[in-house]
């Protein structure tokens, strides 16, 4: 697949994941995106870092930028579809009255395509959030 076509496919896929999160919630979206890429192996990349970087770039390009959770879910699904073990991490932080959260992907325990020390900025939960069953409302 040519790079331009792959980029468009990633841009559409990450936005579809974001929309699915809004419509169907985390568990169903996580399961669906993992199933899609595990069964078909739609995309092949050379490294986890390249996957994360391209998904991030596709997510930030265009009129509707996409947040960290859809990016993390799509990145993890693509990598898992290639047989690469990853973990989806979610961390939180509080800065005065402000509360924020961030999702990222780790490969071999190391965050991929994350600026700086993400685990130092956000306190990560002690679980892998790839499996939507791990989150209870």
Protein backbone atom coordinates (compact mmCIF):
# COMPACT_ATOMS: atom_id res chain seq x y z
CA UNK A 1 0.00 0.00 0.00
CA UNK A 2 1.47 3.42 -0.94
CA UNK A 3 2.37 5.70 1.96
CA UNK A 4 -0.23 8.35 1.07
CA UNK A 5 -3.00 5.76 1.00
CA UNK A 6 -1.77 4.23 4.26
CA UNK A 7 -1.81 7.69 5.87
CA UNK A 8 -5.41 8.33 4.75
CA UNK A 9 -6.43 4.89 6.03
CA UNK A 10 -4.84 5.61 9.43
CA UNK A 11 -6.48 9.06 9.60
CA UNK A 12 -9.89 7.52 8.92
CA UNK A 13 -9.30 4.57 11.25
CA UNK A 14 -8.27 6.68 14.25
CA UNK A 15 -11.32 8.91 13.78
CA UNK A 16 -13.54 5.82 13.53
CA UNK A 17 -12.08 4.60 16.84
CA UNK A 18 -12.80 8.01 18.43
CA UNK A 19 -16.39 7.93 17.16
CA UNK A 20 -16.85 4.34 18.33
CA UNK A 21 -15.66 5.31 21.82
CA UNK A 22 -18.38 7.97 21.96
CA UNK A 23 -21.11 5.74 20.56
CA UNK A 24 -20.31 2.32 22.01
CA UNK A 25 -17.95 2.90 24.94
CA UNK A 26 -14.51 1.63 25.77
CA UNK A 27 -15.08 -2.12 26.13
CA UNK A 28 -16.89 -2.60 22.84
CA UNK A 29 -14.53 -0.31 20.92
CA UNK A 30 -11.41 -1.95 22.31
CA UNK A 31 -12.68 -5.40 21.48
CA UNK A 32 -13.81 -4.37 17.99
CA UNK A 33 -10.61 -2.65 16.92
CA UNK A 34 -8.47 -5.50 18.26
CA UNK A 35 -10.63 -8.04 16.41
CA UNK A 36 -10.42 -6.08 13.15
CA UNK A 37 -6.64 -5.90 13.08
CA UNK A 38 -5.98 -9.32 14.60
CA UNK A 39 -8.06 -11.09 11.98
CA UNK A 40 -6.96 -9.23 8.90
CA UNK A 41 -3.45 -7.89 9.54
CA UNK A 42 -4.43 -4.88 7.42
CA UNK A 43 -1.24 -2.89 7.89
CA UNK A 44 2.45 -3.79 8.14
CA UNK A 45 5.05 -1.48 9.63
CA UNK A 46 8.68 -2.01 10.48
CA UNK A 47 8.68 -1.02 14.17
CA UNK A 48 6.42 -0.15 17.12
CA UNK A 49 7.84 3.39 17.15
CA UNK A 50 6.96 3.87 13.48
CA UNK A 51 3.39 2.65 14.06
CA UNK A 52 2.88 4.99 17.01
CA UNK A 53 4.42 7.95 15.19
CA UNK A 54 2.31 7.46 12.07
CA UNK A 55 -0.92 6.97 14.02
CA UNK A 56 -0.17 10.11 16.05
CA UNK A 57 0.57 12.13 12.92
CA UNK A 58 -2.60 10.89 11.23
CA UNK A 59 -4.62 11.71 14.35
CA UNK A 60 -3.35 15.28 14.52
CA UNK A 61 -3.71 16.06 10.81
CA UNK A 62 -6.95 17.49 9.55
CA UNK A 63 -9.85 19.47 10.94
CA UNK A 64 -10.73 17.04 13.74
CA UNK A 65 -7.67 16.15 15.83
CA UNK A 66 -8.05 12.97 17.87
CA UNK A 67 -7.08 12.47 21.51
CA UNK A 68 -4.74 10.03 23.14
CA UNK A 69 -7.13 7.15 23.90
CA UNK A 70 -8.20 6.45 20.30
CA UNK A 71 -4.55 6.76 19.22
CA UNK A 72 -3.43 4.30 21.88
CA UNK A 73 -6.16 1.77 21.05
CA UNK A 74 -5.44 1.88 17.31
CA UNK A 75 -1.68 1.70 17.80
CA UNK A 76 -2.02 -1.29 20.13
CA UNK A 77 -4.41 -3.08 17.76
CA UNK A 78 -2.08 -2.64 14.78
CA UNK A 79 0.93 -3.86 16.74
CA UNK A 80 -0.93 -6.83 18.20
CA UNK A 81 -2.09 -7.72 14.69
CA UNK A 82 1.58 -7.99 13.76
CA UNK A 83 2.30 -10.24 16.76
CA UNK A 84 4.01 -7.52 18.84
CA UNK A 85 3.08 -7.53 22.52
CA UNK A 86 2.07 -4.15 23.88
CA UNK A 87 0.18 -2.69 26.81
CA UNK A 88 -2.22 0.24 26.83
CA UNK A 89 -1.57 2.38 29.90
CA UNK A 90 -3.70 5.10 31.40
CA UNK A 91 -2.31 7.57 33.88
CA UNK A 92 -3.73 10.50 35.80
CA UNK A 93 -2.40 13.67 37.37
CA UNK A 94 -3.67 16.53 39.41
CA UNK A 95 -2.38 20.06 39.12
CA UNK A 96 -4.13 22.16 41.76
CA UNK A 97 -7.83 21.85 41.00
CA UNK A 98 -7.23 20.52 37.50
CA UNK A 99 -7.39 16.79 36.84
CA UNK A 100 -6.11 15.23 33.62
CA UNK A 101 -5.56 11.77 32.20
CA UNK A 102 -3.46 10.37 29.38
CA UNK A 103 -3.34 7.06 27.51
CA UNK A 104 -0.26 5.61 25.84
CA UNK A 105 1.18 2.36 24.52
CA UNK A 106 4.12 0.52 26.01
CA UNK A 107 6.30 -2.07 24.30
CA UNK A 108 8.57 -4.12 26.57
CA UNK A 109 7.58 -1.78 29.43
CA UNK A 110 8.75 1.35 27.59
CA UNK A 111 6.34 4.05 26.35
CA UNK A 112 6.54 4.42 22.58
CA UNK A 113 6.35 7.76 20.75
CA UNK A 114 5.75 9.70 23.97
CA UNK A 115 7.56 12.96 24.65
CA UNK A 116 9.57 12.99 27.86
CA UNK A 117 8.91 10.72 30.80
CA UNK A 118 5.18 10.11 30.53
CA UNK A 119 5.13 7.90 33.65
CA UNK A 120 6.75 10.75 35.61
CA UNK A 121 4.07 13.22 34.48
CA UNK A 122 1.10 10.84 34.91
CA UNK A 123 0.64 8.25 37.64
CA UNK A 124 -0.18 5.07 35.69
CA UNK A 125 -2.68 2.50 36.88
CA UNK A 126 -1.26 -0.96 37.61
CA UNK A 127 -3.10 -2.65 34.76
CA UNK A 128 -3.06 -3.01 31.02
CA UNK A 129 -6.15 -1.40 29.49
CA UNK A 130 -6.07 -3.25 26.16
CA UNK A 131 -8.91 -5.47 27.30
CA UNK A 132 -12.07 -3.40 27.63
CA UNK A 133 -13.29 -5.75 30.36
CA UNK A 134 -10.69 -4.17 32.65
CA UNK A 135 -12.77 -0.98 32.85
CA UNK A 136 -16.00 -1.04 34.83
CA UNK A 137 -18.45 1.88 34.80
